[in-house]
C-alpha atoms as a PDB file:
ATOM      1  CA  UNK A   1      97.117  87.677  51.076  1.00  0.00           C
ATOM      2  CA  UNK A   2      97.976  86.540  54.328  1.00  0.00           C
ATOM      3  CA  UNK A   3     101.898  86.827  55.213  1.00  0.00           C
ATOM      4  CA  UNK A   4     103.841  84.431  57.607  1.00  0.00           C
ATOM      5  CA  UNK A   5     103.047  86.086  60.755  1.00  0.00           C
ATOM      6  CA  UNK A   6      99.256  86.138  60.118  1.00  0.00           C
ATOM      7  CA  UNK A   7      99.667  82.217  59.165  1.00  0.00           C
ATOM      8  CA  UNK A   8     101.282  81.532  62.475  1.00  0.00           C
ATOM      9  CA  UNK A   9      99.106  83.106  64.487  1.00  0.00           C
ATOM     10  CA  UNK A  10      95.745  81.781  63.153  1.00  0.00           C
ATOM     11  CA  UNK A  11      97.332  78.378  63.206  1.00  0.00           C
ATOM     12  CA  UNK A  12      98.748  78.455  66.851  1.00  0.00           C
ATOM     13  CA  UNK A  13      96.834  80.829  68.372  1.00  0.00           C
ATOM     14  CA  UNK A  14      93.540  78.662  69.214  1.00  0.00           C
ATOM     15  CA  UNK A  15      92.494  79.185  72.933  1.00  0.00           C
ATOM     16  CA  UNK A  16      92.377  81.356  75.807  1.00  0.00           C
ATOM     17  CA  UNK A  17      93.874  85.007  75.299  1.00  0.00           C
ATOM     18  CA  UNK A  18      95.999  83.949  72.250  1.00  0.00           C
ATOM     19  CA  UNK A  19      92.402  83.195  70.489  1.00  0.00           C
ATOM     20  CA  UNK A  20      90.916  86.497  71.565  1.00  0.00           C
ATOM     21  CA  UNK A  21      94.030  87.970  70.144  1.00  0.00           C
ATOM     22  CA  UNK A  22      93.177  86.065  66.738  1.00  0.00           C
ATOM     23  CA  UNK A  23      89.478  87.248  67.279  1.00  0.00           C
ATOM     24  CA  UNK A  24      90.269  90.819  67.816  1.00  0.00           C
ATOM     25  CA  UNK A  25      92.588  90.797  64.925  1.00  0.00           C
ATOM     26  CA  UNK A  26      89.893  89.509  62.256  1.00  0.00           C
ATOM     27  CA  UNK A  27      87.385  91.768  63.352  1.00  0.00           C
ATOM     28  CA  UNK A  28      89.732  94.867  63.279  1.00  0.00           C
ATOM     29  CA  UNK A  29      90.683  93.993  59.743  1.00  0.00           C
ATOM     30  CA  UNK A  30      86.877  93.409  58.858  1.00  0.00           C
ATOM     31  CA  UNK A  31      86.154  96.910  60.389  1.00  0.00           C
ATOM     32  CA  UNK A  32      88.507  98.672  58.302  1.00  0.00           C
ATOM     33  CA  UNK A  33      87.755  96.955  54.935  1.00  0.00           C
ATOM     34  CA  UNK A  34      84.160  97.992  55.587  1.00  0.00           C
ATOM     35  CA  UNK A  35      85.492 101.333  55.313  1.00  0.00           C
ATOM     36  CA  UNK A  36      84.875 102.482  59.043  1.00  0.00           C
ATOM     37  CA  UNK A  37      87.384 104.461  60.863  1.00  0.00           C
ATOM     38  CA  UNK A  38      89.401 103.211  64.168  1.00  0.00           C
ATOM     39  CA  UNK A  39      90.671 105.004  66.849  1.00  0.00           C
ATOM     40  CA  UNK A  40      93.645 103.650  69.043  1.00  0.00           C
ATOM     41  CA  UNK A  41      94.391 104.876  72.216  1.00  0.00           C
ATOM     42  CA  UNK A  42      98.007 104.283  73.819  1.00  0.00           C
ATOM     43  CA  UNK A  43      98.446 104.365  77.726  1.00  0.00           C
ATOM     44  CA  UNK A  44     101.494 103.039  79.696  1.00  0.00           C
ATOM     45  CA  UNK A  45     104.961 103.440  78.211  1.00  0.00           C
ATOM     46  CA  UNK A  46     104.105 102.193  74.714  1.00  0.00           C
ATOM     47  CA  UNK A  47     106.514 104.592  73.206  1.00  0.00           C
ATOM     48  CA  UNK A  48     109.455 103.535  75.066  1.00  0.00           C
ATOM     49  CA  UNK A  49     108.389 100.124  74.435  1.00  0.00           C
ATOM     50  CA  UNK A  50     109.104 101.058  70.805  1.00  0.00           C
ATOM     51  CA  UNK A  51     105.285 100.222  69.773  1.00  0.00           C
ATOM     52  CA  UNK A  52     105.933 102.796  66.992  1.00  0.00           C
ATOM     53  CA  UNK A  53     108.039 100.057  64.837  1.00  0.00           C
ATOM     54  CA  UNK A  54     104.894  98.523  64.106  1.00  0.00           C
ATOM     55  CA  UNK A  55     102.136 101.503  64.865  1.00  0.00           C
ATOM     56  CA  UNK A  56     103.964 103.676  62.436  1.00  0.00           C
ATOM     57  CA  UNK A  57     103.215 101.291  59.506  1.00  0.00           C
ATOM     58  CA  UNK A  58      99.847 101.307  60.807  1.00  0.00           C
ATOM     59  CA  UNK A  59      99.389 104.971  60.412  1.00  0.00           C
ATOM     60  CA  UNK A  60     101.205 105.078  56.884  1.00  0.00           C
ATOM     61  CA  UNK A  61      99.010 102.507  55.718  1.00  0.00           C
ATOM     62  CA  UNK A  62      95.577 104.519  56.763  1.00  0.00           C
ATOM     63  CA  UNK A  63      94.801 101.642  59.412  1.00  0.00           C
ATOM     64  CA  UNK A  64      94.307 104.218  62.023  1.00  0.00           C
ATOM     65  CA  UNK A  65      92.139 107.545  61.808  1.00  0.00           C
ATOM     66  CA  UNK A  66      92.738 109.326  65.014  1.00  0.00           C
ATOM     67  CA  UNK A  67      94.827 108.556  68.275  1.00  0.00           C
ATOM     68  CA  UNK A  68      94.644 109.236  71.984  1.00  0.00           C
ATOM     69  CA  UNK A  69      97.710 108.697  74.305  1.00  0.00           C
ATOM     70  CA  UNK A  70      99.226 110.081  77.091  1.00  0.00           C
ATOM     71  CA  UNK A  71     101.577 113.128  77.590  1.00  0.00           C
ATOM     72  CA  UNK A  72     104.367 110.621  78.172  1.00  0.00           C
ATOM     73  CA  UNK A  73     103.743 108.763  75.059  1.00  0.00           C
ATOM     74  CA  UNK A  74     103.408 111.846  72.693  1.00  0.00           C
ATOM     75  CA  UNK A  75     106.952 113.054  73.921  1.00  0.00           C
ATOM     76  CA  UNK A  76     108.673 109.488  74.604  1.00  0.00           C
ATOM     77  CA  UNK A  77     108.500 108.422  70.730  1.00  0.00           C
ATOM     78  CA  UNK A  78     110.357 112.036  69.879  1.00  0.00           C
ATOM     79  CA  UNK A  79     112.816 111.329  72.723  1.00  0.00           C
ATOM     80  CA  UNK A  80     113.766 107.905  71.560  1.00  0.00           C
ATOM     81  CA  UNK A  81     114.287 109.172  67.792  1.00  0.00           C
ATOM     82  CA  UNK A  82     116.504 111.921  69.061  1.00  0.00           C
ATOM     83  CA  UNK A  83     118.236 110.477  71.895  1.00  0.00           C
ATOM     84  CA  UNK A  84     118.101 106.586  71.323  1.00  0.00           C
ATOM     85  CA  UNK A  85     121.990 105.949  71.802  1.00  0.00           C
ATOM     86  CA  UNK A  86     121.996 107.495  75.139  1.00  0.00           C
ATOM     87  CA  UNK A  87     119.257 105.271  76.371  1.00  0.00           C
ATOM     88  CA  UNK A  88     120.315 102.296  78.938  1.00  0.00           C
ATOM     89  CA  UNK A  89     118.477  99.078  79.267  1.00  0.00           C
ATOM     90  CA  UNK A  90     118.595  97.053  82.516  1.00  0.00           C
ATOM     91  CA  UNK A  91     117.322  93.696  82.033  1.00  0.00           C
ATOM     92  CA  UNK A  92     117.634  92.730  85.802  1.00  0.00           C
ATOM     93  CA  UNK A  93     115.918  95.946  86.913  1.00  0.00           C
ATOM     94  CA  UNK A  94     113.933  93.537  89.259  1.00  0.00           C
ATOM     95  CA  UNK A  95     117.134  93.376  91.332  1.00  0.00           C
ATOM     96  CA  UNK A  96     117.756  96.924  91.672  1.00  0.00           C
ATOM     97  CA  UNK A  97     117.977  98.188  95.176  1.00  0.00           C
ATOM     98  CA  UNK A  98     116.891 101.933  96.383  1.00  0.00           C
ATOM     99  CA  UNK A  99     120.452 102.721  96.317  1.00  0.00           C
ATOM    100  CA  UNK A 100     120.773 101.337  92.869  1.00  0.00           C
ATOM    101  CA  UNK A 101     117.703 103.727  91.601  1.00  0.00           C
ATOM    102  CA  UNK A 102     119.191 106.806  93.364  1.00  0.00           C
ATOM    103  CA  UNK A 103     122.419 106.019  91.357  1.00  0.00           C
ATOM    104  CA  UNK A 104     120.569 106.099  88.234  1.00  0.00           C
ATOM    105  CA  UNK A 105     118.827 109.657  88.825  1.00  0.00           C
ATOM    106  CA  UNK A 106     122.523 111.094  89.896  1.00  0.00           C
ATOM    107  CA  UNK A 107     123.960 109.742  86.472  1.00  0.00           C
ATOM    108  CA  UNK A 108     120.863 111.516  84.663  1.00  0.00           C
ATOM    109  CA  UNK A 109     118.485 108.616  84.138  1.00  0.00           C
ATOM    110  CA  UNK A 110     114.523 108.137  84.713  1.00  0.00           C
ATOM    111  CA  UNK A 111     113.810 104.477  84.672  1.00  0.00           C
ATOM    112  CA  UNK A 112     110.615 103.177  82.770  1.00  0.00           C
ATOM    113  CA  UNK A 113     110.681  99.083  83.988  1.00  0.00           C
ATOM    114  CA  UNK A 114     113.621  98.118  82.130  1.00  0.00           C
ATOM    115  CA  UNK A 115     114.527 101.268  79.841  1.00  0.00           C
ATOM    116  CA  UNK A 116     116.446 104.194  81.334  1.00  0.00           C
ATOM    117  CA  UNK A 117     115.584 107.735  79.464  1.00  0.00           C
ATOM    118  CA  UNK A 118     118.610 110.152  79.616  1.00  0.00           C
ATOM    119  CA  UNK A 119     117.079 113.498  80.854  1.00  0.00           C
ATOM    120  CA  UNK A 120     119.695 115.743  79.372  1.00  0.00           C
ATOM    121  CA  UNK A 121     119.899 113.992  76.073  1.00  0.00           C
ATOM    122  CA  UNK A 122     116.182 113.332  75.524  1.00  0.00           C
ATOM    123  CA  UNK A 123     114.194 115.902  77.707  1.00  0.00           C
ATOM    124  CA  UNK A 124     116.277 118.788  77.764  1.00  0.00           C
ATOM    125  CA  UNK A 125     117.011 118.620  74.224  1.00  0.00           C
ATOM    126  CA  UNK A 126     113.353 118.753  73.251  1.00  0.00           C
ATOM    127  CA  UNK A 127     112.981 121.590  75.906  1.00  0.00           C
ATOM    128  CA  UNK A 128     115.242 123.767  74.128  1.00  0.00           C
ATOM    129  CA  UNK A 129     113.461 123.647  70.913  1.00  0.00           C
ATOM    130  CA  UNK A 130     109.850 123.680  72.239  1.00  0.00           C
ATOM    131  CA  UNK A 131     110.368 126.721  74.214  1.00  0.00           C
ATOM    132  CA  UNK A 132     111.020 128.867  70.769  1.00  0.00           C
ATOM    133  CA  UNK A 133     107.897 127.618  69.533  1.00  0.00           C
ATOM    134  CA  UNK A 134     105.847 128.187  72.650  1.00  0.00           C
ATOM    135  CA  UNK A 135     107.146 131.859  72.565  1.00  0.00           C
ATOM    136  CA  UNK A 136     106.877 132.289  69.100  1.00  0.00           C
ATOM    137  CA  UNK A 137     103.140 131.204  69.098  1.00  0.00           C
ATOM    138  CA  UNK A 138     102.591 133.347  72.420  1.00  0.00           C
ATOM    139  CA  UNK A 139     103.925 136.173  70.359  1.00  0.00           C
ATOM    140  CA  UNK A 140     101.873 135.938  67.656  1.00  0.00           C
ATOM    141  CA  UNK A 141      98.574 135.506  69.617  1.00  0.00           C
ATOM    142  CA  UNK A 142      98.206 131.578  68.618  1.00  0.00           C
ATOM    143  CA  UNK A 143      96.672 129.123  70.710  1.00  0.00           C
ATOM    144  CA  UNK A 144      97.391 125.236  70.039  1.00  0.00           C
ATOM    145  CA  UNK A 145      97.228 121.784  71.382  1.00  0.00           C
ATOM    146  CA  UNK A 146     100.297 119.827  72.939  1.00  0.00           C
ATOM    147  CA  UNK A 147     100.309 117.663  69.768  1.00  0.00           C
ATOM    148  CA  UNK A 148     100.139 120.571  67.228  1.00  0.00           C
ATOM    149  CA  UNK A 149     103.355 121.940  68.857  1.00  0.00           C
ATOM    150  CA  UNK A 150     105.190 118.489  68.641  1.00  0.00           C
ATOM    151  CA  UNK A 151     103.689 118.299  64.760  1.00  0.00           C
ATOM    152  CA  UNK A 152     105.391 121.579  64.292  1.00  0.00           C
ATOM    153  CA  UNK A 153     108.739 120.896  65.618  1.00  0.00           C
ATOM    154  CA  UNK A 154     108.849 117.686  63.803  1.00  0.00           C
ATOM    155  CA  UNK A 155     107.718 118.690  60.261  1.00  0.00           C
ATOM    156  CA  UNK A 156     110.321 121.675  60.610  1.00  0.00           C
ATOM    157  CA  UNK A 157     112.834 119.656  60.439  1.00  0.00           C
ATOM    158  CA  UNK A 158     114.964 120.688  63.127  1.00  0.00           C
ATOM    159  CA  UNK A 159     115.447 117.755  64.709  1.00  0.00           C
ATOM    160  CA  UNK A 160     116.645 115.646  62.144  1.00  0.00           C
ATOM    161  CA  UNK A 161     120.305 116.747  62.913  1.00  0.00           C
ATOM    162  CA  UNK A 162     119.771 114.567  66.021  1.00  0.00           C
ATOM    163  CA  UNK A 163     118.232 111.228  64.775  1.00  0.00           C
ATOM    164  CA  UNK A 164     119.722 108.196  66.279  1.00  0.00           C
ATOM    165  CA  UNK A 165     117.342 105.596  65.220  1.00  0.00           C
ATOM    166  CA  UNK A 166     115.146 105.214  61.940  1.00  0.00           C
ATOM    167  CA  UNK A 167     112.956 107.571  61.559  1.00  0.00           C
ATOM    168  CA  UNK A 168     110.288 105.124  60.171  1.00  0.00           C
ATOM    169  CA  UNK A 169     110.053 103.549  63.592  1.00  0.00           C
ATOM    170  CA  UNK A 170     108.758 106.844  64.993  1.00  0.00           C
ATOM    171  CA  UNK A 171     105.004 106.853  65.078  1.00  0.00           C
ATOM    172  CA  UNK A 172     104.699 110.522  65.937  1.00  0.00           C
ATOM    173  CA  UNK A 173     106.707 111.439  62.914  1.00  0.00           C
ATOM    174  CA  UNK A 174     104.234 109.318  60.849  1.00  0.00           C
ATOM    175  CA  UNK A 175     101.209 110.860  62.595  1.00  0.00           C
ATOM    176  CA  UNK A 176     102.814 114.026  61.745  1.00  0.00           C
ATOM    177  CA  UNK A 177     103.306 113.512  58.007  1.00  0.00           C
ATOM    178  CA  UNK A 178      99.750 112.156  57.619  1.00  0.00           C
ATOM    179  CA  UNK A 179      98.442 114.900  60.050  1.00  0.00           C
ATOM    180  CA  UNK A 180      96.230 112.372  61.949  1.00  0.00           C
ATOM    181  CA  UNK A 181      94.470 113.841  64.886  1.00  0.00           C
ATOM    182  CA  UNK A 182      95.719 113.402  68.410  1.00  0.00           C
ATOM    183  CA  UNK A 183      94.074 113.833  71.496  1.00  0.00           C
ATOM    184  CA  UNK A 184      95.963 114.010  74.872  1.00  0.00           C
ATOM    185  CA  UNK A 185      94.150 114.080  77.688  1.00  0.00           C
ATOM    186  CA  UNK A 186      95.869 115.159  80.916  1.00  0.00           C
ATOM    187  CA  UNK A 187      98.981 116.112  79.107  1.00  0.00           C
ATOM    188  CA  UNK A 188      99.881 118.526  82.116  1.00  0.00           C
ATOM    189  CA  UNK A 189     101.434 115.295  83.898  1.00  0.00           C
ATOM    190  CA  UNK A 190     103.994 114.623  81.335  1.00  0.00           C
ATOM    191  CA  UNK A 191     107.679 115.680  81.561  1.00  0.00           C
ATOM    192  CA  UNK A 192     107.150 118.360  79.001  1.00  0.00           C
ATOM    193  CA  UNK A 193     103.438 119.337  80.588  1.00  0.00           C
ATOM    194  CA  UNK A 194     105.622 119.948  83.649  1.00  0.00           C
ATOM    195  CA  UNK A 195     108.454 122.057  81.930  1.00  0.00           C
ATOM    196  CA  UNK A 196     105.472 124.143  79.949  1.00  0.00           C
ATOM    197  CA  UNK A 197     103.958 124.610  83.757  1.00  0.00           C
ATOM    198  CA  UNK A 198     107.239 125.799  85.006  1.00  0.00           C
ATOM    199  CA  UNK A 199     107.899 128.389  82.400  1.00  0.00           C
ATOM    200  CA  UNK A 200     104.465 129.626  83.565  1.00  0.00           C
ATOM    201  CA  UNK A 201     105.266 129.757  87.145  1.00  0.00           C
ATOM    202  CA  UNK A 202     108.360 131.961  86.187  1.00  0.00           C
ATOM    203  CA  UNK A 203     106.118 134.276  84.258  1.00  0.00           C
ATOM    204  CA  UNK A 204     107.877 133.435  80.893  1.00  0.00           C
ATOM    205  CA  UNK A 205     104.962 131.903  79.219  1.00  0.00           C
ATOM    206  CA  UNK A 206     101.276 132.177  79.743  1.00  0.00           C
ATOM    207  CA  UNK A 207      99.076 129.027  80.166  1.00  0.00           C
ATOM    208  CA  UNK A 208      96.460 130.183  77.656  1.00  0.00           C
ATOM    209  CA  UNK A 209      98.890 129.764  74.940  1.00  0.00           C
ATOM    210  CA  UNK A 210      98.307 125.757  75.094  1.00  0.00           C
ATOM    211  CA  UNK A 211      94.951 124.418  74.439  1.00  0.00           C
ATOM    212  CA  UNK A 212      93.270 122.838  77.383  1.00  0.00           C
ATOM    213  CA  UNK A 213      91.678 119.071  77.843  1.00  0.00           C
ATOM    214  CA  UNK A 214      88.172 120.350  78.030  1.00  0.00           C
ATOM    215  CA  UNK A 215      89.134 121.719  74.464  1.00  0.00           C
ATOM    216  CA  UNK A 216      90.140 118.757  73.507  1.00  0.00           C
ATOM    217  CA  UNK A 217      87.021 117.061  74.522  1.00  0.00           C
ATOM    218  CA  UNK A 218      84.914 119.732  72.394  1.00  0.00           C
ATOM    219  CA  UNK A 219      87.025 119.154  69.706  1.00  0.00           C
ATOM    220  CA  UNK A 220      86.964 115.231  69.722  1.00  0.00           C
ATOM    221  CA  UNK A 221      82.977 115.711  70.230  1.00  0.00           C
ATOM    222  CA  UNK A 222      82.860 117.686  66.527  1.00  0.00           C
ATOM    223  CA  UNK A 223      85.351 115.218  65.117  1.00  0.00           C
ATOM    224  CA  UNK A 224      83.230 112.455  65.950  1.00  0.00           C
ATOM    225  CA  UNK A 225      79.857 113.938  64.643  1.00  0.00           C
ATOM    226  CA  UNK A 226      81.761 114.475  61.524  1.00  0.00           C
ATOM    227  CA  UNK A 227      83.432 111.125  61.104  1.00  0.00           C
ATOM    228  CA  UNK A 228      80.987 108.257  62.963  1.00  0.00           C
ATOM    229  CA  UNK A 229      78.496 108.270  59.960  1.00  0.00           C
ATOM    230  CA  UNK A 230      75.874 105.812  61.131  1.00  0.00           C
ATOM    231  CA  UNK A 231      78.290 103.020  61.962  1.00  0.00           C
ATOM    232  CA  UNK A 232      80.261 104.751  64.905  1.00  0.00           C
ATOM    233  CA  UNK A 233      84.016 104.411  65.092  1.00  0.00           C
ATOM    234  CA  UNK A 234      86.199 101.793  66.364  1.00  0.00           C
ATOM    235  CA  UNK A 235      87.898 101.931  69.681  1.00  0.00           C
ATOM    236  CA  UNK A 236      91.271  99.716  70.078  1.00  0.00           C
ATOM    237  CA  UNK A 237      92.470 100.493  73.512  1.00  0.00           C
ATOM    238  CA  UNK A 238      96.293  99.642  74.658  1.00  0.00           C
ATOM    239  CA  UNK A 239      96.331  99.909  78.651  1.00  0.00           C
ATOM    240  CA  UNK A 240      93.599 101.673  80.828  1.00  0.00           C
ATOM    241  CA  UNK A 241      94.011 104.951  82.289  1.00  0.00           C
ATOM    242  CA  UNK A 242      92.781 108.119  80.838  1.00  0.00           C
ATOM    243  CA  UNK A 243      94.177 107.731  77.223  1.00  0.00           C
ATOM    244  CA  UNK A 244      90.950 105.590  76.811  1.00  0.00           C
ATOM    245  CA  UNK A 245      88.757 106.771  79.520  1.00  0.00           C
ATOM    246  CA  UNK A 246      88.644 110.266  78.196  1.00  0.00           C
ATOM    247  CA  UNK A 247      87.848 109.726  74.629  1.00  0.00           C
ATOM    248  CA  UNK A 248      85.559 106.809  75.101  1.00  0.00           C
ATOM    249  CA  UNK A 249      83.216 109.279  76.977  1.00  0.00           C
ATOM    250  CA  UNK A 250      82.332 111.658  73.661  1.00  0.00           C
ATOM    251  CA  UNK A 251      79.895 109.047  72.687  1.00  0.00           C
ATOM    252  CA  UNK A 252      77.574 109.366  76.039  1.00  0.00           C
ATOM    253  CA  UNK A 253      78.447 113.148  76.305  1.00  0.00           C
ATOM    254  CA  UNK A 254      76.597 113.630  72.928  1.00  0.00           C
ATOM    255  CA  UNK A 255      73.914 111.475  73.305  1.00  0.00           C
ATOM    256  CA  UNK A 256      72.958 111.803  76.789  1.00  0.00           C
ATOM    257  CA  UNK A 257      74.430 115.437  77.761  1.00  0.00           C
ATOM    258  CA  UNK A 258      73.457 116.856  74.395  1.00  0.00           C
ATOM    259  CA  UNK A 259      70.515 114.766  74.099  1.00  0.00           C
ATOM    260  CA  UNK A 260      71.919 113.656  70.386  1.00  0.00           C
ATOM    261  CA  UNK A 261      70.160 109.885  70.775  1.00  0.00           C
ATOM    262  CA  UNK A 262      70.884 109.178  67.178  1.00  0.00           C
ATOM    263  CA  UNK A 263      74.652 109.343  67.792  1.00  0.00           C
ATOM    264  CA  UNK A 264      76.264 105.729  66.957  1.00  0.00           C
ATOM    265  CA  UNK A 265      78.146 104.114  70.037  1.00  0.00           C
ATOM    266  CA  UNK A 266      81.825 102.879  69.318  1.00  0.00           C
ATOM    267  CA  UNK A 267      81.584 100.005  66.557  1.00  0.00           C
ATOM    268  CA  UNK A 268      84.244  97.952  67.743  1.00  0.00           C
ATOM    269  CA  UNK A 269      86.232  97.490  71.007  1.00  0.00           C
ATOM    270  CA  UNK A 270      89.005  95.930  72.066  1.00  0.00           C
ATOM    271  CA  UNK A 271      91.372  96.651  75.121  1.00  0.00           C
ATOM    272  CA  UNK A 272      94.973  94.804  75.925  1.00  0.00           C
ATOM    273  CA  UNK A 273      95.135  94.945  79.618  1.00  0.00           C
ATOM    274  CA  UNK A 274      96.443  93.083  82.567  1.00  0.00           C
ATOM    275  CA  UNK A 275      93.921  94.811  84.539  1.00  0.00           C
ATOM    276  CA  UNK A 276      91.320  92.498  86.707  1.00  0.00           C
ATOM    277  CA  UNK A 277      87.755  93.445  87.633  1.00  0.00           C
ATOM    278  CA  UNK A 278      88.333  94.162  91.149  1.00  0.00           C
ATOM    279  CA  UNK A 279      87.783  97.047  93.948  1.00  0.00           C
ATOM    280  CA  UNK A 280      85.818  98.908  91.253  1.00  0.00           C
ATOM    281  CA  UNK A 281      88.744  98.694  88.417  1.00  0.00           C
ATOM    282  CA  UNK A 282      87.602 100.769  85.174  1.00  0.00           C
ATOM    283  CA  UNK A 283      90.508  99.498  83.452  1.00  0.00           C
ATOM    284  CA  UNK A 284      89.578  96.048  84.195  1.00  0.00           C
ATOM    285  CA  UNK A 285      86.122  96.526  83.784  1.00  0.00           C
ATOM    286  CA  UNK A 286      84.515  93.811  81.037  1.00  0.00           C
ATOM    287  CA  UNK A 287      83.242  95.816  77.835  1.00  0.00           C
ATOM    288  CA  UNK A 288      79.398  94.754  78.788  1.00  0.00           C
ATOM    289  CA  UNK A 289      80.017  97.122  81.695  1.00  0.00           C
ATOM    290  CA  UNK A 290      80.146  99.975  79.168  1.00  0.00           C
ATOM    291  CA  UNK A 291      76.731  99.440  77.652  1.00  0.00           C
ATOM    292  CA  UNK A 292      75.240 100.506  80.910  1.00  0.00           C
ATOM    293  CA  UNK A 293      77.126 104.000  80.309  1.00  0.00           C
ATOM    294  CA  UNK A 294      75.766 104.020  76.812  1.00  0.00           C
ATOM    295  CA  UNK A 295      79.050 103.361  74.993  1.00  0.00           C
ATOM    296  CA  UNK A 296      78.886 100.488  73.547  1.00  0.00           C
ATOM    297  CA  UNK A 297      75.659  98.318  72.082  1.00  0.00           C
ATOM    298  CA  UNK A 298      74.413  94.936  72.730  1.00  0.00           C
ATOM    299  CA  UNK A 299      75.679  93.991  69.213  1.00  0.00           C
ATOM    300  CA  UNK A 300      79.197  95.702  69.305  1.00  0.00           C
ATOM    301  CA  UNK A 301      82.023  93.358  68.474  1.00  0.00           C
ATOM    302  CA  UNK A 302      84.065  93.137  71.908  1.00  0.00           C
ATOM    303  CA  UNK A 303      87.389  92.003  72.963  1.00  0.00           C
ATOM    304  CA  UNK A 304      89.640  91.678  76.132  1.00  0.00           C
ATOM    305  CA  UNK A 305      93.101  90.509  76.054  1.00  0.00           C
ATOM    306  CA  UNK A 306      94.617  89.870  79.163  1.00  0.00           C
ATOM    307  CA  UNK A 307      98.232  90.162  78.340  1.00  0.00           C
ATOM    308  CA  UNK A 308     101.322  92.391  77.898  1.00  0.00           C
ATOM    309  CA  UNK A 309     100.514  95.154  75.094  1.00  0.00           C
ATOM    310  CA  UNK A 310     104.153  95.115  74.134  1.00  0.00           C
ATOM    311  CA  UNK A 311     103.437  91.508  72.664  1.00  0.00           C
ATOM    312  CA  UNK A 312      99.987  91.730  71.535  1.00  0.00           C
ATOM    313  CA  UNK A 313      99.598  94.873  69.640  1.00  0.00           C
ATOM    314  CA  UNK A 314     102.391  94.099  67.365  1.00  0.00           C
ATOM    315  CA  UNK A 315     101.102  90.939  66.297  1.00  0.00           C
ATOM    316  CA  UNK A 316      97.699  92.309  65.888  1.00  0.00           C
ATOM    317  CA  UNK A 317      99.103  95.121  63.703  1.00  0.00           C
ATOM    318  CA  UNK A 318     100.901  92.373  61.622  1.00  0.00           C
ATOM    319  CA  UNK A 319      97.837  90.344  61.109  1.00  0.00           C
ATOM    320  CA  UNK A 320      95.809  93.758  60.301  1.00  0.00           C
ATOM    321  CA  UNK A 321      98.449  94.772  57.605  1.00  0.00           C
ATOM    322  CA  UNK A 322      99.009  91.400  56.152  1.00  0.00           C
ATOM    323  CA  UNK A 323     102.124  90.352  57.572  1.00  0.00           C
END
């Protein structure tokens, strides 16, 4: 059954990027109904954009099998959960002067477009809890991935005292409860990654306590071998960058570097991005270019939606969910 949002989309979105949105949403839905798995990748500031409102429901209803995201998206969803009331929105951010930006910093805010994240209430609140988990793991000789520490923190319940928004809107909490696998390439450049590195610099922690990007790639390769079957896995990419570039390479690595030629390519591909193909842009490359790298087949359903992901992704999710 199609809900009102789906009917509205099908009736009104008939051409250009709007039509591509409909085509991609229908193909996503068919992919899931056929029993295939889907990876969703999150770049940009999707967590701060509160994509979790729709993404969490997708996770709860088993429309997503695995996620690849930046370290920023990993942490900012939880920061919003525990410090929502201290965030500041600046609708006229385009009018800010350098002096205005400096004043925001002096007030303890870090700006992401129109949204300002409060350092003390968000970053430092998580830091005070995470350091205890990091130290405990190190003392016990345990090594974990970045997302596994976040899952452990969320599932412990120790953050519940701070919740300032509906926990149903947290995609990280939904993922933790489902124990959905997450890959976080380049986690070190996130704020929490920087904080972890600062403890290593001071000799309070060993870098070995945190599993690395190479270990993520090895883990992902084994996951793909176990889960892809004969038909492959779908790839729904929000934005560009390392969140998408890292995991999509697992297929050519297996087929070319390990000479496992029977490995299926990604069986669905959609990217929501405002990047355009110019000056060697990988994020803006058309899907067909990926055929030359052994990532997609000629027959793979391929979609590019050149638009704002904070608008497009919730609409596609609503369609897939039957809303």
